[in-house]
């Protein structure tokens, strides 16, 4: 997958909704460290977790996660 990047808007959307990382983590059943790693691009979520994030935010997966081919 060289030359491809999965970016996300989790931090931006979470801040818009006034949520802390801890609150988002609890709602998704993951650790705060997982949320931090997602936001910093160090971790790509499973499709299941990506779906849960998008559903929690009331958005489509494509509106939260951006796949870029370089």
PDB file of N, CA and C in Angstrom:
ATOM      1  N   UNK A   1       0.823  -1.191   0.000  1.00  0.00           N
ATOM      2  CA  UNK A   1       0.000   0.000   0.000  1.00  0.00           C
ATOM      3  C   UNK A   1       0.863   1.250   0.000  1.00  0.00           C
ATOM      4  N   UNK A   2       2.071   1.126  -0.525  1.00  0.00           N
ATOM      5  CA  UNK A   2       2.944   2.293  -0.610  1.00  0.00           C
ATOM      6  C   UNK A   2       2.337   3.310  -1.558  1.00  0.00           C
ATOM      7  N   UNK A   3       2.414   4.577  -1.177  1.00  0.00           N
ATOM      8  CA  UNK A   3       1.839   5.621  -1.990  1.00  0.00           C
ATOM      9  C   UNK A   3       0.363   5.859  -1.700  1.00  0.00           C
ATOM     10  N   UNK A   4      -0.158   5.162  -0.695  1.00  0.00           N
ATOM     11  CA  UNK A   4      -1.552   5.334  -0.323  1.00  0.00           C
ATOM     12  C   UNK A   4      -1.618   5.775   1.138  1.00  0.00           C
ATOM     13  N   UNK A   5      -2.566   6.614   1.459  1.00  0.00           N
ATOM     14  CA  UNK A   5      -2.689   7.091   2.827  1.00  0.00           C
ATOM     15  C   UNK A   5      -4.156   7.146   3.231  1.00  0.00           C
ATOM     16  N   UNK A   6      -4.419   6.695   4.447  1.00  0.00           N
ATOM     17  CA  UNK A   6      -5.757   6.808   5.004  1.00  0.00           C
ATOM     18  C   UNK A   6      -5.709   7.900   6.057  1.00  0.00           C
ATOM     19  N   UNK A   7      -6.380   8.984   5.768  1.00  0.00           N
ATOM     20  CA  UNK A   7      -6.431  10.099   6.710  1.00  0.00           C
ATOM     21  C   UNK A   7      -7.821  10.142   7.310  1.00  0.00           C
ATOM     22  N   UNK A   8      -7.959  10.887   8.408  1.00  0.00           N
ATOM     23  CA  UNK A   8      -9.283  10.974   9.008  1.00  0.00           C
ATOM     24  C   UNK A   8      -9.500  12.341   9.642  1.00  0.00           C
ATOM     25  N   UNK A   9     -10.767  12.618   9.909  1.00  0.00           N
ATOM     26  CA  UNK A   9     -11.184  13.891  10.502  1.00  0.00           C
ATOM     27  C   UNK A   9     -11.696  13.681  11.927  1.00  0.00           C
ATOM     28  N   UNK A  10     -11.287  12.580  12.574  1.00  0.00           N
ATOM     29  CA  UNK A  10     -11.826  12.250  13.891  1.00  0.00           C
ATOM     30  C   UNK A  10     -11.612  13.384  14.894  1.00  0.00           C
ATOM     31  N   UNK A  11     -10.388  13.890  14.987  1.00  0.00           N
ATOM     32  CA  UNK A  11     -10.120  14.948  15.971  1.00  0.00           C
ATOM     33  C   UNK A  11     -10.974  16.188  15.689  1.00  0.00           C
ATOM     34  N   UNK A  12     -11.031  16.581  14.434  1.00  0.00           N
ATOM     35  CA  UNK A  12     -11.822  17.756  14.039  1.00  0.00           C
ATOM     36  C   UNK A  12     -13.291  17.580  14.409  1.00  0.00           C
ATOM     37  N   UNK A  13     -13.868  16.436  14.067  1.00  0.00           N
ATOM     38  CA  UNK A  13     -15.288  16.188  14.326  1.00  0.00           C
ATOM     39  C   UNK A  13     -15.538  16.046  15.826  1.00  0.00           C
ATOM     40  N   UNK A  14     -14.647  15.351  16.515  1.00  0.00           N
ATOM     41  CA  UNK A  14     -14.777  15.175  17.967  1.00  0.00           C
ATOM     42  C   UNK A  14     -14.786  16.533  18.660  1.00  0.00           C
ATOM     43  N   UNK A  15     -13.881  17.423  18.249  1.00  0.00           N
ATOM     44  CA  UNK A  15     -13.827  18.765  18.845  1.00  0.00           C
ATOM     45  C   UNK A  15     -15.087  19.565  18.541  1.00  0.00           C
ATOM     46  N   UNK A  16     -15.599  19.436  17.305  1.00  0.00           N
ATOM     47  CA  UNK A  16     -16.842  20.128  16.945  1.00  0.00           C
ATOM     48  C   UNK A  16     -17.992  19.691  17.836  1.00  0.00           C
ATOM     49  N   UNK A  17     -17.979  18.422  18.237  1.00  0.00           N
ATOM     50  CA  UNK A  17     -19.049  17.866  19.066  1.00  0.00           C
ATOM     51  C   UNK A  17     -18.760  18.052  20.560  1.00  0.00           C
ATOM     52  N   UNK A  18     -17.621  18.667  20.881  1.00  0.00           N
ATOM     53  CA  UNK A  18     -17.284  18.922  22.272  1.00  0.00           C
ATOM     54  C   UNK A  18     -16.978  17.672  23.074  1.00  0.00           C
ATOM     55  N   UNK A  19     -16.428  16.659  22.410  1.00  0.00           N
ATOM     56  CA  UNK A  19     -16.114  15.395  23.079  1.00  0.00           C
ATOM     57  C   UNK A  19     -14.634  15.318  23.418  1.00  0.00           C
ATOM     58  N   UNK A  20     -14.337  14.728  24.558  1.00  0.00           N
ATOM     59  CA  UNK A  20     -12.958  14.418  24.915  1.00  0.00           C
ATOM     60  C   UNK A  20     -12.590  13.074  24.302  1.00  0.00           C
ATOM     61  N   UNK A  21     -11.270  12.826  24.147  1.00  0.00           N
ATOM     62  CA  UNK A  21     -10.827  11.522  23.645  1.00  0.00           C
ATOM     63  C   UNK A  21     -11.382  10.401  24.514  1.00  0.00           C
ATOM     64  N   UNK A  22     -11.385  10.617  25.830  1.00  0.00           N
ATOM     65  CA  UNK A  22     -11.868   9.593  26.761  1.00  0.00           C
ATOM     66  C   UNK A  22     -13.337   9.264  26.518  1.00  0.00           C
ATOM     67  N   UNK A  23     -14.135  10.293  26.235  1.00  0.00           N
ATOM     68  CA  UNK A  23     -15.572  10.088  25.992  1.00  0.00           C
ATOM     69  C   UNK A  23     -15.802   9.305  24.703  1.00  0.00           C
ATOM     70  N   UNK A  24     -15.058   9.650  23.677  1.00  0.00           N
ATOM     71  CA  UNK A  24     -15.185   8.940  22.404  1.00  0.00           C
ATOM     72  C   UNK A  24     -14.739   7.494  22.567  1.00  0.00           C
ATOM     73  N   UNK A  25     -13.627   7.300  23.260  1.00  0.00           N
ATOM     74  CA  UNK A  25     -13.109   5.947  23.484  1.00  0.00           C
ATOM     75  C   UNK A  25     -14.136   5.084  24.202  1.00  0.00           C
ATOM     76  N   UNK A  26     -14.738   5.626  25.255  1.00  0.00           N
ATOM     77  CA  UNK A  26     -15.733   4.870  26.029  1.00  0.00           C
ATOM     78  C   UNK A  26     -16.934   4.521  25.163  1.00  0.00           C
ATOM     79  N   UNK A  27     -17.402   5.477  24.365  1.00  0.00           N
ATOM     80  CA  UNK A  27     -18.562   5.252  23.498  1.00  0.00           C
ATOM     81  C   UNK A  27     -18.283   4.164  22.458  1.00  0.00           C
ATOM     82  N   UNK A  28     -17.021   4.025  22.057  1.00  0.00           N
ATOM     83  CA  UNK A  28     -16.643   3.045  21.030  1.00  0.00           C
ATOM     84  C   UNK A  28     -16.125   1.744  21.619  1.00  0.00           C
ATOM     85  N   UNK A  29     -15.882   1.721  22.928  1.00  0.00           N
ATOM     86  CA  UNK A  29     -15.360   0.512  23.562  1.00  0.00           C
ATOM     87  C   UNK A  29     -13.890   0.259  23.263  1.00  0.00           C
ATOM     88  N   UNK A  30     -13.130   1.350  23.098  1.00  0.00           N
ATOM     89  CA  UNK A  30     -11.683   1.235  22.861  1.00  0.00           C
ATOM     90  C   UNK A  30     -10.957   2.105  23.889  1.00  0.00           C
ATOM     91  N   UNK A  31      -9.633   2.039  23.892  1.00  0.00           N
ATOM     92  CA  UNK A  31      -8.854   2.848  24.826  1.00  0.00           C
ATOM     93  C   UNK A  31      -8.661   4.267  24.302  1.00  0.00           C
ATOM     94  N   UNK A  32      -8.364   5.184  25.214  1.00  0.00           N
ATOM     95  CA  UNK A  32      -8.062   6.553  24.805  1.00  0.00           C
ATOM     96  C   UNK A  32      -6.831   6.560  23.919  1.00  0.00           C
ATOM     97  N   UNK A  33      -5.884   5.652  24.183  1.00  0.00           N
ATOM     98  CA  UNK A  33      -4.672   5.566  23.359  1.00  0.00           C
ATOM     99  C   UNK A  33      -5.011   5.203  21.912  1.00  0.00           C
ATOM    100  N   UNK A  34      -6.034   4.365  21.736  1.00  0.00           N
ATOM    101  CA  UNK A  34      -6.468   4.016  20.378  1.00  0.00           C
ATOM    102  C   UNK A  34      -6.978   5.254  19.658  1.00  0.00           C
ATOM    103  N   UNK A  35      -7.776   6.067  20.348  1.00  0.00           N
ATOM    104  CA  UNK A  35      -8.298   7.301  19.744  1.00  0.00           C
ATOM    105  C   UNK A  35      -7.143   8.228  19.389  1.00  0.00           C
ATOM    106  N   UNK A  36      -6.196   8.377  20.301  1.00  0.00           N
ATOM    107  CA  UNK A  36      -5.029   9.225  20.047  1.00  0.00           C
ATOM    108  C   UNK A  36      -4.257   8.737  18.823  1.00  0.00           C
ATOM    109  N   UNK A  37      -4.042   7.429  18.731  1.00  0.00           N
ATOM    110  CA  UNK A  37      -3.306   6.859  17.591  1.00  0.00           C
ATOM    111  C   UNK A  37      -4.071   7.060  16.283  1.00  0.00           C
ATOM    112  N   UNK A  38      -5.396   6.917  16.326  1.00  0.00           N
ATOM    113  CA  UNK A  38      -6.212   7.164  15.134  1.00  0.00           C
ATOM    114  C   UNK A  38      -6.067   8.614  14.688  1.00  0.00           C
ATOM    115  N   UNK A  39      -6.208   9.536  15.647  1.00  0.00           N
ATOM    116  CA  UNK A  39      -6.162  10.956  15.320  1.00  0.00           C
ATOM    117  C   UNK A  39      -4.806  11.370  14.770  1.00  0.00           C
ATOM    118  N   UNK A  40      -3.754  10.740  15.242  1.00  0.00           N
ATOM    119  CA  UNK A  40      -2.401  11.094  14.805  1.00  0.00           C
ATOM    120  C   UNK A  40      -1.938  10.303  13.585  1.00  0.00           C
ATOM    121  N   UNK A  41      -2.814   9.453  13.050  1.00  0.00           N
ATOM    122  CA  UNK A  41      -2.478   8.700  11.843  1.00  0.00           C
ATOM    123  C   UNK A  41      -1.502   7.561  12.064  1.00  0.00           C
ATOM    124  N   UNK A  42      -1.325   7.141  13.304  1.00  0.00           N
ATOM    125  CA  UNK A  42      -0.406   6.031  13.592  1.00  0.00           C
ATOM    126  C   UNK A  42      -1.097   4.680  13.529  1.00  0.00           C
ATOM    127  N   UNK A  43      -2.426   4.697  13.387  1.00  0.00           N
ATOM    128  CA  UNK A  43      -3.197   3.457  13.430  1.00  0.00           C
ATOM    129  C   UNK A  43      -4.351   3.555  12.456  1.00  0.00           C
ATOM    130  N   UNK A  44      -4.492   2.552  11.605  1.00  0.00           N
ATOM    131  CA  UNK A  44      -5.639   2.477  10.706  1.00  0.00           C
ATOM    132  C   UNK A  44      -6.656   1.546  11.336  1.00  0.00           C
ATOM    133  N   UNK A  45      -7.899   2.005  11.461  1.00  0.00           N
ATOM    134  CA  UNK A  45      -8.917   1.184  12.133  1.00  0.00           C
ATOM    135  C   UNK A  45      -9.376   0.021  11.274  1.00  0.00           C
ATOM    136  N   UNK A  46      -9.924  -0.985  11.945  1.00  0.00           N
ATOM    137  CA  UNK A  46     -10.612  -2.053  11.218  1.00  0.00           C
ATOM    138  C   UNK A  46     -11.856  -1.426  10.571  1.00  0.00           C
ATOM    139  N   UNK A  47     -12.415  -2.110   9.611  1.00  0.00           N
ATOM    140  CA  UNK A  47     -13.625  -1.592   8.972  1.00  0.00           C
ATOM    141  C   UNK A  47     -14.750  -1.485   9.993  1.00  0.00           C
ATOM    142  N   UNK A  48     -14.781  -2.422  10.942  1.00  0.00           N
ATOM    143  CA  UNK A  48     -15.804  -2.385  11.983  1.00  0.00           C
ATOM    144  C   UNK A  48     -15.694  -1.144  12.855  1.00  0.00           C
ATOM    145  N   UNK A  49     -14.477  -0.813  13.254  1.00  0.00           N
ATOM    146  CA  UNK A  49     -14.275   0.372  14.088  1.00  0.00           C
ATOM    147  C   UNK A  49     -14.550   1.639  13.284  1.00  0.00           C
ATOM    148  N   UNK A  50     -14.127   1.663  12.030  1.00  0.00           N
ATOM    149  CA  UNK A  50     -14.400   2.831  11.179  1.00  0.00           C
ATOM    150  C   UNK A  50     -15.902   3.051  11.055  1.00  0.00           C
ATOM    151  N   UNK A  51     -16.661   1.965  10.893  1.00  0.00           N
ATOM    152  CA  UNK A  51     -18.118   2.059  10.798  1.00  0.00           C
ATOM    153  C   UNK A  51     -18.709   2.600  12.091  1.00  0.00           C
ATOM    154  N   UNK A  52     -18.215   2.101  13.239  1.00  0.00           N
ATOM    155  CA  UNK A  52     -18.729   2.552  14.539  1.00  0.00           C
ATOM    156  C   UNK A  52     -18.449   4.040  14.759  1.00  0.00           C
ATOM    157  N   UNK A  53     -17.266   4.497  14.359  1.00  0.00           N
ATOM    158  CA  UNK A  53     -16.915   5.919  14.496  1.00  0.00           C
ATOM    159  C   UNK A  53     -17.877   6.758  13.662  1.00  0.00           C
ATOM    160  N   UNK A  54     -18.032   6.393  12.398  1.00  0.00           N
ATOM    161  CA  UNK A  54     -18.906   7.154  11.496  1.00  0.00           C
ATOM    162  C   UNK A  54     -20.347   7.159  11.999  1.00  0.00           C
ATOM    163  N   UNK A  55     -20.834   6.006  12.445  1.00  0.00           N
ATOM    164  CA  UNK A  55     -22.209   5.907  12.933  1.00  0.00           C
ATOM    165  C   UNK A  55     -22.402   6.771  14.170  1.00  0.00           C
ATOM    166  N   UNK A  56     -21.436   6.739  15.086  1.00  0.00           N
ATOM    167  CA  UNK A  56     -21.522   7.550  16.299  1.00  0.00           C
ATOM    168  C   UNK A  56     -21.603   9.036  15.956  1.00  0.00           C
ATOM    169  N   UNK A  57     -20.845   9.452  14.942  1.00  0.00           N
ATOM    170  CA  UNK A  57     -20.846  10.850  14.525  1.00  0.00           C
ATOM    171  C   UNK A  57     -22.045  11.184  13.622  1.00  0.00           C
ATOM    172  N   UNK A  58     -22.825  10.170  13.223  1.00  0.00           N
ATOM    173  CA  UNK A  58     -23.966  10.401  12.340  1.00  0.00           C
ATOM    174  C   UNK A  58     -23.538  10.763  10.930  1.00  0.00           C
ATOM    175  N   UNK A  59     -22.429  10.166  10.493  1.00  0.00           N
ATOM    176  CA  UNK A  59     -21.860  10.500   9.191  1.00  0.00           C
ATOM    177  C   UNK A  59     -21.563   9.227   8.407  1.00  0.00           C
ATOM    178  N   UNK A  60     -21.295   9.391   7.113  1.00  0.00           N
ATOM    179  CA  UNK A  60     -20.834   8.277   6.284  1.00  0.00           C
ATOM    180  C   UNK A  60     -19.344   8.060   6.538  1.00  0.00           C
ATOM    181  N   UNK A  61     -18.901   6.822   6.386  1.00  0.00           N
ATOM    182  CA  UNK A  61     -17.478   6.517   6.583  1.00  0.00           C
ATOM    183  C   UNK A  61     -16.607   7.444   5.739  1.00  0.00           C
ATOM    184  N   UNK A  62     -17.033   7.707   4.499  1.00  0.00           N
ATOM    185  CA  UNK A  62     -16.244   8.546   3.586  1.00  0.00           C
ATOM    186  C   UNK A  62     -16.131   9.983   4.062  1.00  0.00           C
ATOM    187  N   UNK A  63     -17.029  10.416   4.940  1.00  0.00           N
ATOM    188  CA  UNK A  63     -16.969  11.774   5.476  1.00  0.00           C
ATOM    189  C   UNK A  63     -16.019  11.894   6.661  1.00  0.00           C
ATOM    190  N   UNK A  64     -15.654  10.753   7.243  1.00  0.00           N
ATOM    191  CA  UNK A  64     -14.749  10.726   8.385  1.00  0.00           C
ATOM    192  C   UNK A  64     -13.344  10.310   7.957  1.00  0.00           C
ATOM    193  N   UNK A  65     -13.289   9.294   7.096  1.00  0.00           N
ATOM    194  CA  UNK A  65     -12.002   8.733   6.640  1.00  0.00           C
ATOM    195  C   UNK A  65     -11.784   9.076   5.186  1.00  0.00           C
ATOM    196  N   UNK A  66     -10.594   9.581   4.884  1.00  0.00           N
ATOM    197  CA  UNK A  66     -10.264  10.011   3.526  1.00  0.00           C
ATOM    198  C   UNK A  66      -9.116   9.141   3.015  1.00  0.00           C
ATOM    199  N   UNK A  67      -9.374   8.408   1.946  1.00  0.00           N
ATOM    200  CA  UNK A  67      -8.345   7.561   1.330  1.00  0.00           C
ATOM    201  C   UNK A  67      -7.707   8.342   0.205  1.00  0.00           C
ATOM    202  N   UNK A  68      -6.384   8.510   0.288  1.00  0.00           N
ATOM    203  CA  UNK A  68      -5.668   9.262  -0.738  1.00  0.00           C
ATOM    204  C   UNK A  68      -4.638   8.388  -1.406  1.00  0.00           C
ATOM    205  N   UNK A  69      -4.675   8.381  -2.732  1.00  0.00           N
ATOM    206  CA  UNK A  69      -3.641   7.712  -3.503  1.00  0.00           C
ATOM    207  C   UNK A  69      -2.671   8.759  -3.975  1.00  0.00           C
ATOM    208  N   UNK A  70      -1.397   8.494  -3.753  1.00  0.00           N
ATOM    209  CA  UNK A  70      -0.373   9.494  -4.119  1.00  0.00           C
ATOM    210  C   UNK A  70       0.252   9.171  -5.448  1.00  0.00           C
TER     211      UNK A  70
END
